[in-house]
Amino acid sequence: MSKEINWKLLKRDIDKWNQLRTFEEKNQIQIDLSGVDLGNANLEGANLSNCNLSNANLIGSSLRFADLRGSDLTKCNLIGVNLRLANLRDSYIIQAKLNRANLSEANMIGCTLNESDLSHANLYETELIGAYLYKTNLSNAQLVNTHLTKAYLVRANLDFAVLNNTDLRWANLSQVDLSKIISDD
């Protein structure tokens, strides 16, 4: 199916899209939605697992409960996106814009977020265990009750990030300035 037909179906009918994805996953068909404009779309509960969404525009979209496991979101524009309770496990989100995104309670275990901008993002109770956040901008982000166990945060920017009850056990914080974080702990 062409890229245009894919994204039109995705924007129009999530239930039909998810039925199609079930068939495609059984037949190991890769979906390419790279570069598409899905700005302000309601994609709640959509199955976008293992999709190529690199360079896509998703500004202001709602992806609550969406399944994005193993997807490629490299250089994706996700400014202000609602990804609350989304499953992003093992996704590639490299050099992406996630400013002011709501990622609360999302599963981001094993994600690669290198050089992404998550400034002012809400990461309340987000699972980032074993995630790669090399040179990631987390300034002013809400990292309350966030699990960053074994995360790789080398050269990450945590200026004015709120880290209350944040689990950083065994995290690599090399070359990270922690003098400007906000914490009650």
N, C-alpha and C. Protein backbone atom coordinates (compact mmCIF):
# COMPACT_ATOMS: atom_id res chain seq x y z
N MET A 1 0.85 -1.17 0.00
CA MET A 1 0.00 0.00 0.00
C MET A 1 0.90 1.24 0.00
N SER A 2 0.52 2.28 -0.73
CA SER A 2 1.35 3.47 -0.83
C SER A 2 1.35 4.25 0.48
N LYS A 3 2.37 5.09 0.63
CA LYS A 3 2.49 5.93 1.81
C LYS A 3 1.27 6.82 1.99
N GLU A 4 0.77 7.40 0.89
CA GLU A 4 -0.38 8.31 0.96
C GLU A 4 -1.64 7.58 1.43
N ILE A 5 -1.88 6.39 0.90
CA ILE A 5 -3.05 5.60 1.32
C ILE A 5 -2.93 5.23 2.80
N ASN A 6 -1.71 4.85 3.22
CA ASN A 6 -1.49 4.50 4.62
C ASN A 6 -1.85 5.65 5.55
N TRP A 7 -1.31 6.83 5.29
CA TRP A 7 -1.56 7.91 6.25
C TRP A 7 -2.98 8.43 6.19
N LYS A 8 -3.62 8.34 5.02
CA LYS A 8 -5.04 8.76 4.94
C LYS A 8 -5.92 7.81 5.76
N LEU A 9 -5.67 6.50 5.65
CA LEU A 9 -6.43 5.54 6.44
C LEU A 9 -6.16 5.74 7.93
N LEU A 10 -4.92 5.99 8.27
CA LEU A 10 -4.55 6.21 9.67
C LEU A 10 -5.29 7.40 10.26
N LYS A 11 -5.38 8.49 9.51
CA LYS A 11 -6.06 9.69 10.00
C LYS A 11 -7.58 9.51 10.05
N ARG A 12 -8.12 8.66 9.17
CA ARG A 12 -9.57 8.53 9.04
C ARG A 12 -10.18 7.49 9.99
N ASP A 13 -9.56 6.31 10.13
CA ASP A 13 -10.21 5.23 10.87
C ASP A 13 -9.17 4.37 11.60
N ILE A 14 -8.96 4.66 12.88
CA ILE A 14 -7.96 3.94 13.68
C ILE A 14 -8.28 2.45 13.78
N ASP A 15 -9.56 2.10 13.92
CA ASP A 15 -9.93 0.68 14.04
C ASP A 15 -9.56 -0.11 12.78
N LYS A 16 -9.86 0.43 11.60
CA LYS A 16 -9.49 -0.25 10.35
C LYS A 16 -7.97 -0.31 10.20
N TRP A 17 -7.32 0.79 10.59
CA TRP A 17 -5.86 0.83 10.55
C TRP A 17 -5.28 -0.30 11.41
N ASN A 18 -5.77 -0.44 12.64
CA ASN A 18 -5.26 -1.47 13.54
C ASN A 18 -5.54 -2.87 13.01
N GLN A 19 -6.67 -3.09 12.35
CA GLN A 19 -6.95 -4.39 11.72
C GLN A 19 -5.93 -4.67 10.61
N LEU A 20 -5.66 -3.67 9.81
CA LEU A 20 -4.68 -3.80 8.74
C LEU A 20 -3.30 -4.11 9.31
N ARG A 21 -2.94 -3.42 10.41
CA ARG A 21 -1.63 -3.63 11.03
C ARG A 21 -1.50 -5.05 11.56
N THR A 22 -2.57 -5.62 12.09
CA THR A 22 -2.52 -6.99 12.59
C THR A 22 -2.17 -7.95 11.45
N PHE A 23 -2.80 -7.75 10.29
CA PHE A 23 -2.49 -8.56 9.11
C PHE A 23 -1.04 -8.35 8.67
N GLU A 24 -0.61 -7.09 8.63
CA GLU A 24 0.74 -6.78 8.16
C GLU A 24 1.80 -7.34 9.09
N GLU A 25 1.56 -7.28 10.40
CA GLU A 25 2.53 -7.82 11.34
C GLU A 25 2.69 -9.33 11.17
N LYS A 26 1.58 -10.03 10.94
CA LYS A 26 1.65 -11.48 10.71
C LYS A 26 2.44 -11.78 9.45
N ASN A 27 2.35 -10.91 8.47
CA ASN A 27 3.04 -11.12 7.20
C ASN A 27 4.34 -10.32 7.11
N GLN A 28 4.76 -9.73 8.21
CA GLN A 28 6.02 -8.99 8.33
C GLN A 28 6.18 -7.91 7.27
N ILE A 29 5.13 -7.16 7.04
CA ILE A 29 5.18 -6.05 6.09
C ILE A 29 5.58 -4.78 6.84
N GLN A 30 6.61 -4.09 6.34
CA GLN A 30 7.10 -2.85 6.96
C GLN A 30 6.29 -1.66 6.45
N ILE A 31 5.85 -0.80 7.36
CA ILE A 31 5.09 0.39 6.99
C ILE A 31 6.03 1.59 6.95
N ASP A 32 5.99 2.33 5.85
CA ASP A 32 6.80 3.53 5.68
C ASP A 32 5.90 4.77 5.70
N LEU A 33 5.99 5.52 6.79
CA LEU A 33 5.27 6.79 6.92
C LEU A 33 6.27 7.94 7.08
N SER A 34 7.47 7.75 6.58
CA SER A 34 8.50 8.77 6.73
C SER A 34 8.10 10.05 6.01
N GLY A 35 8.30 11.17 6.69
CA GLY A 35 8.04 12.47 6.10
C GLY A 35 6.58 12.87 5.98
N VAL A 36 5.64 12.06 6.44
CA VAL A 36 4.22 12.41 6.29
C VAL A 36 3.82 13.48 7.30
N ASP A 37 2.76 14.22 6.98
CA ASP A 37 2.23 15.26 7.87
C ASP A 37 1.01 14.71 8.60
N LEU A 38 1.20 14.39 9.87
CA LEU A 38 0.11 13.92 10.71
C LEU A 38 -0.12 14.90 11.85
N GLY A 39 0.17 16.17 11.61
CA GLY A 39 0.01 17.20 12.62
C GLY A 39 -1.43 17.31 13.09
N ASN A 40 -1.60 17.45 14.41
CA ASN A 40 -2.90 17.61 15.06
C ASN A 40 -3.86 16.44 14.84
N ALA A 41 -3.34 15.29 14.46
CA ALA A 41 -4.19 14.11 14.22
C ALA A 41 -4.52 13.41 15.54
N ASN A 42 -5.70 12.80 15.59
CA ASN A 42 -6.07 11.97 16.73
C ASN A 42 -5.69 10.53 16.40
N LEU A 43 -4.59 10.09 16.98
CA LEU A 43 -4.07 8.74 16.71
C LEU A 43 -4.06 7.91 17.99
N GLU A 44 -4.99 8.19 18.88
CA GLU A 44 -5.05 7.48 20.15
C GLU A 44 -5.29 5.99 19.92
N GLY A 45 -4.43 5.18 20.53
CA GLY A 45 -4.56 3.73 20.43
C GLY A 45 -4.10 3.13 19.11
N ALA A 46 -3.49 3.93 18.25
CA ALA A 46 -3.04 3.42 16.94
C ALA A 46 -1.87 2.46 17.09
N ASN A 47 -1.85 1.42 16.28
CA ASN A 47 -0.74 0.49 16.24
C ASN A 47 0.25 0.98 15.18
N LEU A 48 1.31 1.60 15.66
CA LEU A 48 2.36 2.10 14.78
C LEU A 48 3.68 1.39 15.07
N SER A 49 3.58 0.18 15.61
CA SER A 49 4.79 -0.56 15.95
C SER A 49 5.61 -0.87 14.70
N ASN A 50 6.91 -0.74 14.85
CA ASN A 50 7.88 -1.02 13.79
C ASN A 50 7.67 -0.21 12.52
N CYS A 51 7.02 0.94 12.62
CA CYS A 51 6.81 1.83 11.47
C CYS A 51 8.00 2.77 11.31
N ASN A 52 8.24 3.18 10.09
CA ASN A 52 9.22 4.22 9.81
C ASN A 52 8.47 5.55 9.79
N LEU A 53 8.66 6.34 10.84
CA LEU A 53 8.05 7.67 10.95
C LEU A 53 9.12 8.75 10.95
N SER A 54 10.30 8.43 10.45
CA SER A 54 11.38 9.41 10.45
C SER A 54 10.98 10.64 9.64
N ASN A 55 11.36 11.79 10.16
CA ASN A 55 11.08 13.09 9.52
C ASN A 55 9.58 13.41 9.40
N ALA A 56 8.73 12.68 10.10
CA ALA A 56 7.29 12.95 10.06
C ALA A 56 6.95 14.16 10.94
N ASN A 57 5.87 14.84 10.59
CA ASN A 57 5.36 15.94 11.40
C ASN A 57 4.16 15.45 12.19
N LEU A 58 4.29 15.44 13.51
CA LEU A 58 3.21 15.02 14.39
C LEU A 58 2.88 16.11 15.41
N ILE A 59 3.22 17.35 15.11
CA ILE A 59 3.00 18.46 16.04
C ILE A 59 1.55 18.46 16.53
N GLY A 60 1.39 18.50 17.85
CA GLY A 60 0.06 18.63 18.45
C GLY A 60 -0.83 17.41 18.33
N SER A 61 -0.32 16.29 17.86
CA SER A 61 -1.15 15.09 17.71
C SER A 61 -1.35 14.39 19.05
N SER A 62 -2.41 13.59 19.12
CA SER A 62 -2.66 12.79 20.32
C SER A 62 -2.36 11.34 19.99
N LEU A 63 -1.37 10.80 20.69
CA LEU A 63 -0.97 9.40 20.51
C LEU A 63 -1.10 8.64 21.83
N ARG A 64 -2.05 9.05 22.65
CA ARG A 64 -2.27 8.34 23.92
C ARG A 64 -2.55 6.88 23.63
N PHE A 65 -1.95 6.02 24.44
CA PHE A 65 -2.12 4.57 24.34
C PHE A 65 -1.63 3.99 23.01
N ALA A 66 -0.94 4.76 22.19
CA ALA A 66 -0.45 4.27 20.90
C ALA A 66 0.67 3.25 21.10
N ASP A 67 0.78 2.31 20.18
CA ASP A 67 1.83 1.30 20.20
C ASP A 67 2.88 1.70 19.17
N LEU A 68 4.01 2.17 19.66
CA LEU A 68 5.10 2.61 18.79
C LEU A 68 6.36 1.78 19.03
N ARG A 69 6.20 0.58 19.54
CA ARG A 69 7.35 -0.27 19.83
C ARG A 69 8.21 -0.47 18.59
N GLY A 70 9.52 -0.26 18.75
CA GLY A 70 10.46 -0.52 17.68
C GLY A 70 10.36 0.41 16.49
N SER A 71 9.64 1.49 16.62
CA SER A 71 9.47 2.43 15.49
C SER A 71 10.67 3.35 15.35
N ASP A 72 10.84 3.86 14.14
CA ASP A 72 11.90 4.84 13.86
C ASP A 72 11.26 6.22 13.80
N LEU A 73 11.56 7.04 14.82
CA LEU A 73 11.04 8.40 14.90
C LEU A 73 12.19 9.41 14.78
N THR A 74 13.25 9.03 14.08
CA THR A 74 14.41 9.89 13.91
C THR A 74 14.02 11.19 13.22
N LYS A 75 14.46 12.29 13.81
CA LYS A 75 14.20 13.65 13.30
C LYS A 75 12.71 13.95 13.14
N CYS A 76 11.90 13.28 13.92
CA CYS A 76 10.46 13.49 13.89
C CYS A 76 10.11 14.75 14.68
N ASN A 77 9.10 15.48 14.22
CA ASN A 77 8.64 16.68 14.93
C ASN A 77 7.45 16.29 15.80
N LEU A 78 7.71 16.19 17.10
CA LEU A 78 6.71 15.75 18.07
C LEU A 78 6.43 16.84 19.11
N ILE A 79 6.57 18.09 18.72
CA ILE A 79 6.37 19.19 19.66
C ILE A 79 4.92 19.19 20.15
N GLY A 80 4.77 19.21 21.48
CA GLY A 80 3.45 19.28 22.09
C GLY A 80 2.59 18.05 21.92
N VAL A 81 3.17 16.94 21.53
CA VAL A 81 2.41 15.70 21.30
C VAL A 81 2.01 15.06 22.63
N ASN A 82 0.82 14.46 22.67
CA ASN A 82 0.37 13.72 23.84
C ASN A 82 0.68 12.24 23.62
N LEU A 83 1.70 11.76 24.33
CA LEU A 83 2.10 10.35 24.26
C LEU A 83 1.88 9.66 25.60
N ARG A 84 0.95 10.17 26.38
CA ARG A 84 0.68 9.60 27.70
C ARG A 84 0.27 8.13 27.54
N LEU A 85 0.92 7.28 28.33
CA LEU A 85 0.64 5.84 28.35
C LEU A 85 0.93 5.14 27.02
N ALA A 86 1.72 5.77 26.17
CA ALA A 86 2.11 5.15 24.90
C ALA A 86 3.23 4.13 25.15
N ASN A 87 3.34 3.16 24.25
CA ASN A 87 4.40 2.16 24.33
C ASN A 87 5.43 2.46 23.25
N LEU A 88 6.57 3.00 23.68
CA LEU A 88 7.65 3.36 22.76
C LEU A 88 8.88 2.47 22.97
N ARG A 89 8.69 1.35 23.59
CA ARG A 89 9.81 0.46 23.94
C ARG A 89 10.68 0.18 22.71
N ASP A 90 11.99 0.33 22.91
CA ASP A 90 13.00 0.03 21.88
C ASP A 90 12.86 0.86 20.61
N SER A 91 12.26 2.02 20.70
CA SER A 91 12.13 2.91 19.54
C SER A 91 13.38 3.76 19.36
N TYR A 92 13.58 4.23 18.14
CA TYR A 92 14.68 5.13 17.82
C TYR A 92 14.10 6.52 17.63
N ILE A 93 14.43 7.40 18.56
CA ILE A 93 13.89 8.76 18.57
C ILE A 93 15.08 9.71 18.58
N ILE A 94 15.90 9.63 17.57
CA ILE A 94 17.17 10.36 17.50
C ILE A 94 16.96 11.72 16.85
N GLN A 95 17.54 12.76 17.47
CA GLN A 95 17.45 14.14 16.98
C GLN A 95 16.01 14.57 16.73
N ALA A 96 15.11 14.12 17.57
CA ALA A 96 13.69 14.47 17.44
C ALA A 96 13.36 15.67 18.32
N LYS A 97 12.28 16.35 17.97
CA LYS A 97 11.80 17.50 18.74
C LYS A 97 10.59 17.05 19.55
N LEU A 98 10.78 16.98 20.87
CA LEU A 98 9.71 16.58 21.78
C LEU A 98 9.45 17.66 22.83
N ASN A 99 9.74 18.92 22.48
CA ASN A 99 9.52 20.02 23.40
C ASN A 99 8.06 20.01 23.85
N ARG A 100 7.85 20.18 25.14
CA ARG A 100 6.51 20.28 25.74
C ARG A 100 5.62 19.05 25.49
N ALA A 101 6.22 17.94 25.11
CA ALA A 101 5.44 16.71 24.90
C ALA A 101 5.03 16.11 26.24
N ASN A 102 3.88 15.46 26.25
CA ASN A 102 3.41 14.74 27.43
C ASN A 102 3.75 13.26 27.24
N LEU A 103 4.77 12.82 27.97
CA LEU A 103 5.21 11.42 27.91
C LEU A 103 4.95 10.73 29.24
N SER A 104 4.04 11.27 30.03
CA SER A 104 3.80 10.71 31.36
C SER A 104 3.29 9.27 31.26
N GLU A 105 3.86 8.43 32.11
CA GLU A 105 3.51 7.02 32.22
C GLU A 105 3.76 6.23 30.93
N ALA A 106 4.58 6.76 30.06
CA ALA A 106 4.92 6.05 28.81
C ALA A 106 5.97 4.98 29.08
N ASN A 107 5.95 3.93 28.28
CA ASN A 107 6.96 2.88 28.33
C ASN A 107 8.01 3.22 27.28
N MET A 108 9.17 3.68 27.77
CA MET A 108 10.26 4.05 26.87
C MET A 108 11.51 3.23 27.20
N ILE A 109 11.31 2.04 27.72
CA ILE A 109 12.42 1.17 28.08
C ILE A 109 13.25 0.86 26.84
N GLY A 110 14.56 1.05 26.95
CA GLY A 110 15.46 0.73 25.86
C GLY A 110 15.43 1.67 24.67
N CYS A 111 14.74 2.80 24.79
CA CYS A 111 14.67 3.77 23.69
C CYS A 111 16.02 4.44 23.46
N THR A 112 16.25 4.85 22.24
CA THR A 112 17.42 5.65 21.91
C THR A 112 16.92 7.05 21.59
N LEU A 113 17.27 8.00 22.47
CA LEU A 113 16.80 9.39 22.34
C LEU A 113 17.98 10.34 22.14
N ASN A 114 19.07 9.86 21.61
CA ASN A 114 20.28 10.66 21.48
C ASN A 114 20.02 11.97 20.73
N GLU A 115 20.52 13.07 21.32
CA GLU A 115 20.47 14.41 20.74
C GLU A 115 19.05 14.91 20.47
N SER A 116 18.07 14.37 21.18
CA SER A 116 16.69 14.85 21.04
C SER A 116 16.43 16.00 22.01
N ASP A 117 15.42 16.80 21.71
CA ASP A 117 15.04 17.93 22.55
C ASP A 117 13.76 17.60 23.30
N LEU A 118 13.90 17.34 24.60
CA LEU A 118 12.76 17.07 25.47
C LEU A 118 12.59 18.19 26.49
N SER A 119 13.00 19.40 26.12
CA SER A 119 12.87 20.52 27.06
C SER A 119 11.40 20.78 27.35
N HIS A 120 11.12 21.03 28.62
CA HIS A 120 9.76 21.31 29.11
C HIS A 120 8.82 20.11 28.94
N ALA A 121 9.35 18.92 28.68
CA ALA A 121 8.50 17.73 28.51
C ALA A 121 8.05 17.20 29.87
N ASN A 122 6.88 16.56 29.88
CA ASN A 122 6.36 15.92 31.08
C ASN A 122 6.68 14.43 31.00
N LEU A 123 7.59 13.99 31.87
CA LEU A 123 8.01 12.59 31.91
C LEU A 123 7.64 11.97 33.26
N TYR A 124 6.51 12.37 33.82
CA TYR A 124 6.05 11.86 35.11
C TYR A 124 5.80 10.36 35.03
N GLU A 125 6.48 9.62 35.90
CA GLU A 125 6.36 8.16 35.98
C GLU A 125 6.66 7.44 34.66
N THR A 126 7.49 8.03 33.85
CA THR A 126 7.89 7.40 32.58
C THR A 126 8.96 6.35 32.85
N GLU A 127 8.88 5.25 32.15
CA GLU A 127 9.87 4.17 32.25
C GLU A 127 10.94 4.38 31.19
N LEU A 128 12.13 4.79 31.62
CA LEU A 128 13.25 5.01 30.71
C LEU A 128 14.42 4.10 31.09
N ILE A 129 14.11 2.93 31.60
CA ILE A 129 15.14 2.00 32.04
C ILE A 129 15.99 1.58 30.83
N GLY A 130 17.31 1.73 30.99
CA GLY A 130 18.23 1.33 29.93
C GLY A 130 18.17 2.19 28.67
N ALA A 131 17.55 3.36 28.76
CA ALA A 131 17.43 4.24 27.59
C ALA A 131 18.75 4.96 27.33
N TYR A 132 18.96 5.32 26.08
CA TYR A 132 20.13 6.09 25.67
C TYR A 132 19.71 7.53 25.44
N LEU A 133 20.29 8.44 26.25
CA LEU A 133 19.93 9.86 26.19
C LEU A 133 21.19 10.71 26.02
N TYR A 134 22.10 10.28 25.17
CA TYR A 134 23.35 10.99 24.93
C TYR A 134 23.06 12.37 24.34
N LYS A 135 23.58 13.41 24.98
CA LYS A 135 23.42 14.81 24.54
C LYS A 135 21.94 15.20 24.37
N THR A 136 21.07 14.59 25.16
CA THR A 136 19.64 14.90 25.09
C THR A 136 19.34 16.12 25.94
N ASN A 137 18.51 17.02 25.43
CA ASN A 137 18.12 18.23 26.17
C ASN A 137 16.89 17.91 27.02
N LEU A 138 17.10 17.84 28.33
CA LEU A 138 16.02 17.61 29.28
C LEU A 138 15.82 18.82 30.17
N SER A 139 16.25 19.99 29.71
CA SER A 139 16.12 21.19 30.53
C SER A 139 14.65 21.51 30.78
N ASN A 140 14.36 21.88 32.02
CA ASN A 140 13.00 22.23 32.45
C ASN A 140 12.01 21.07 32.33
N ALA A 141 12.48 19.87 32.13
CA ALA A 141 11.58 18.71 32.03
C ALA A 141 11.12 18.26 33.42
N GLN A 142 9.95 17.68 33.47
CA GLN A 142 9.40 17.11 34.71
C GLN A 142 9.76 15.63 34.73
N LEU A 143 10.71 15.27 35.60
CA LEU A 143 11.16 13.89 35.72
C LEU A 143 10.77 13.33 37.09
N VAL A 144 9.56 13.60 37.52
CA VAL A 144 9.07 13.18 38.83
C VAL A 144 8.65 11.71 38.77
N ASN A 145 9.18 10.91 39.70
CA ASN A 145 8.90 9.47 39.77
C ASN A 145 9.30 8.74 38.48
N THR A 146 10.24 9.29 37.76
CA THR A 146 10.71 8.71 36.50
C THR A 146 11.77 7.65 36.79
N HIS A 147 11.73 6.56 36.05
CA HIS A 147 12.70 5.48 36.23
C HIS A 147 13.77 5.56 35.14
N LEU A 148 14.97 5.96 35.55
CA LEU A 148 16.10 6.09 34.64
C LEU A 148 17.21 5.10 35.01
N THR A 149 16.84 3.99 35.62
CA THR A 149 17.81 2.98 36.01
C THR A 149 18.60 2.51 34.78
N LYS A 150 19.91 2.48 34.92
CA LYS A 150 20.82 2.03 33.86
C LYS A 150 20.73 2.87 32.57
N ALA A 151 20.18 4.07 32.67
CA ALA A 151 20.09 4.94 31.49
C ALA A 151 21.46 5.56 31.20
N TYR A 152 21.71 5.85 29.96
CA TYR A 152 22.96 6.46 29.49
C TYR A 152 22.66 7.93 29.21
N LEU A 153 23.08 8.79 30.16
CA LEU A 153 22.76 10.22 30.09
C LEU A 153 24.01 11.07 29.85
N VAL A 154 25.04 10.52 29.28
CA VAL A 154 26.29 11.25 29.08
C VAL A 154 26.04 12.53 28.30
N ARG A 155 26.52 13.65 28.86
CA ARG A 155 26.42 14.99 28.26
C ARG A 155 24.98 15.48 28.08
N ALA A 156 24.04 14.90 28.80
CA ALA A 156 22.64 15.36 28.75
C ALA A 156 22.53 16.70 29.47
N ASN A 157 21.58 17.53 29.05
CA ASN A 157 21.32 18.82 29.68
C ASN A 157 20.13 18.66 30.62
N LEU A 158 20.39 18.77 31.93
CA LEU A 158 19.35 18.65 32.94
C LEU A 158 19.11 19.97 33.67
N ASP A 159 19.48 21.09 33.06
CA ASP A 159 19.30 22.39 33.70
C ASP A 159 17.83 22.63 34.04
N PHE A 160 17.58 22.91 35.31
CA PHE A 160 16.25 23.24 35.84
C PHE A 160 15.22 22.12 35.65
N ALA A 161 15.69 20.92 35.41
CA ALA A 161 14.78 19.77 35.35
C ALA A 161 14.36 19.40 36.78
N VAL A 162 13.12 18.99 36.94
CA VAL A 162 12.60 18.60 38.25
C VAL A 162 12.79 17.09 38.40
N LEU A 163 13.64 16.71 39.37
CA LEU A 163 13.98 15.30 39.59
C LEU A 163 13.56 14.87 40.99
N ASN A 164 12.29 14.86 41.29
CA ASN A 164 11.79 14.40 42.58
C ASN A 164 11.48 12.92 42.50
N ASN A 165 12.09 12.16 43.43
CA ASN A 165 11.87 10.72 43.50
C ASN A 165 12.22 10.03 42.17
N THR A 166 13.23 10.55 41.51
CA THR A 166 13.69 10.00 40.23
C THR A 166 14.70 8.88 40.50
N ASP A 167 14.52 7.75 39.86
CA ASP A 167 15.40 6.60 40.06
C ASP A 167 16.54 6.65 39.05
N LEU A 168 17.73 6.98 39.57
CA LEU A 168 18.92 7.08 38.72
C LEU A 168 19.95 6.01 39.05
N ARG A 169 19.52 4.93 39.69
CA ARG A 169 20.47 3.88 40.04
C ARG A 169 21.17 3.34 38.79
N TRP A 170 22.48 3.23 38.90
CA TRP A 170 23.34 2.70 37.85
C TRP A 170 23.26 3.48 36.53
N ALA A 171 22.73 4.69 36.58
CA ALA A 171 22.70 5.54 35.38
C ALA A 171 24.08 6.14 35.15
N ASN A 172 24.44 6.33 33.90
CA ASN A 172 25.71 6.96 33.56
C ASN A 172 25.45 8.45 33.36
N LEU A 173 25.95 9.25 34.31
CA LEU A 173 25.75 10.71 34.30
C LEU A 173 27.06 11.44 34.02
N SER A 174 27.97 10.82 33.31
CA SER A 174 29.26 11.45 32.99
C SER A 174 29.04 12.75 32.22
N GLN A 175 29.79 13.77 32.61
CA GLN A 175 29.77 15.08 31.96
C GLN A 175 28.38 15.73 32.00
N VAL A 176 27.60 15.43 33.06
CA VAL A 176 26.30 16.06 33.26
C VAL A 176 26.42 17.02 34.43
N ASP A 177 26.01 18.27 34.23
CA ASP A 177 26.02 19.28 35.29
C ASP A 177 24.73 19.14 36.09
N LEU A 178 24.85 18.68 37.33
CA LEU A 178 23.68 18.48 38.18
C LEU A 178 23.44 19.67 39.12
N SER A 179 24.21 20.74 38.96
CA SER A 179 24.09 21.88 39.88
C SER A 179 22.81 22.68 39.69
N LYS A 180 22.15 22.55 38.57
CA LYS A 180 20.95 23.36 38.30
C LYS A 180 19.65 22.55 38.33
N ILE A 181 19.72 21.30 38.77
CA ILE A 181 18.49 20.51 38.85
C ILE A 181 17.64 20.98 40.02
N ILE A 182 16.36 20.70 39.96
CA ILE A 182 15.43 21.04 41.03
C ILE A 182 14.97 19.72 41.64
N SER A 183 15.20 19.58 42.97
CA SER A 183 14.86 18.32 43.62
C SER A 183 14.54 18.54 45.09
N ASP A 184 13.52 17.85 45.57
CA ASP A 184 13.19 17.87 47.00
C ASP A 184 13.88 16.73 47.73
N ASP A 185 14.49 15.82 46.99
CA ASP A 185 15.13 14.64 47.59
C ASP A 185 16.41 15.03 48.31
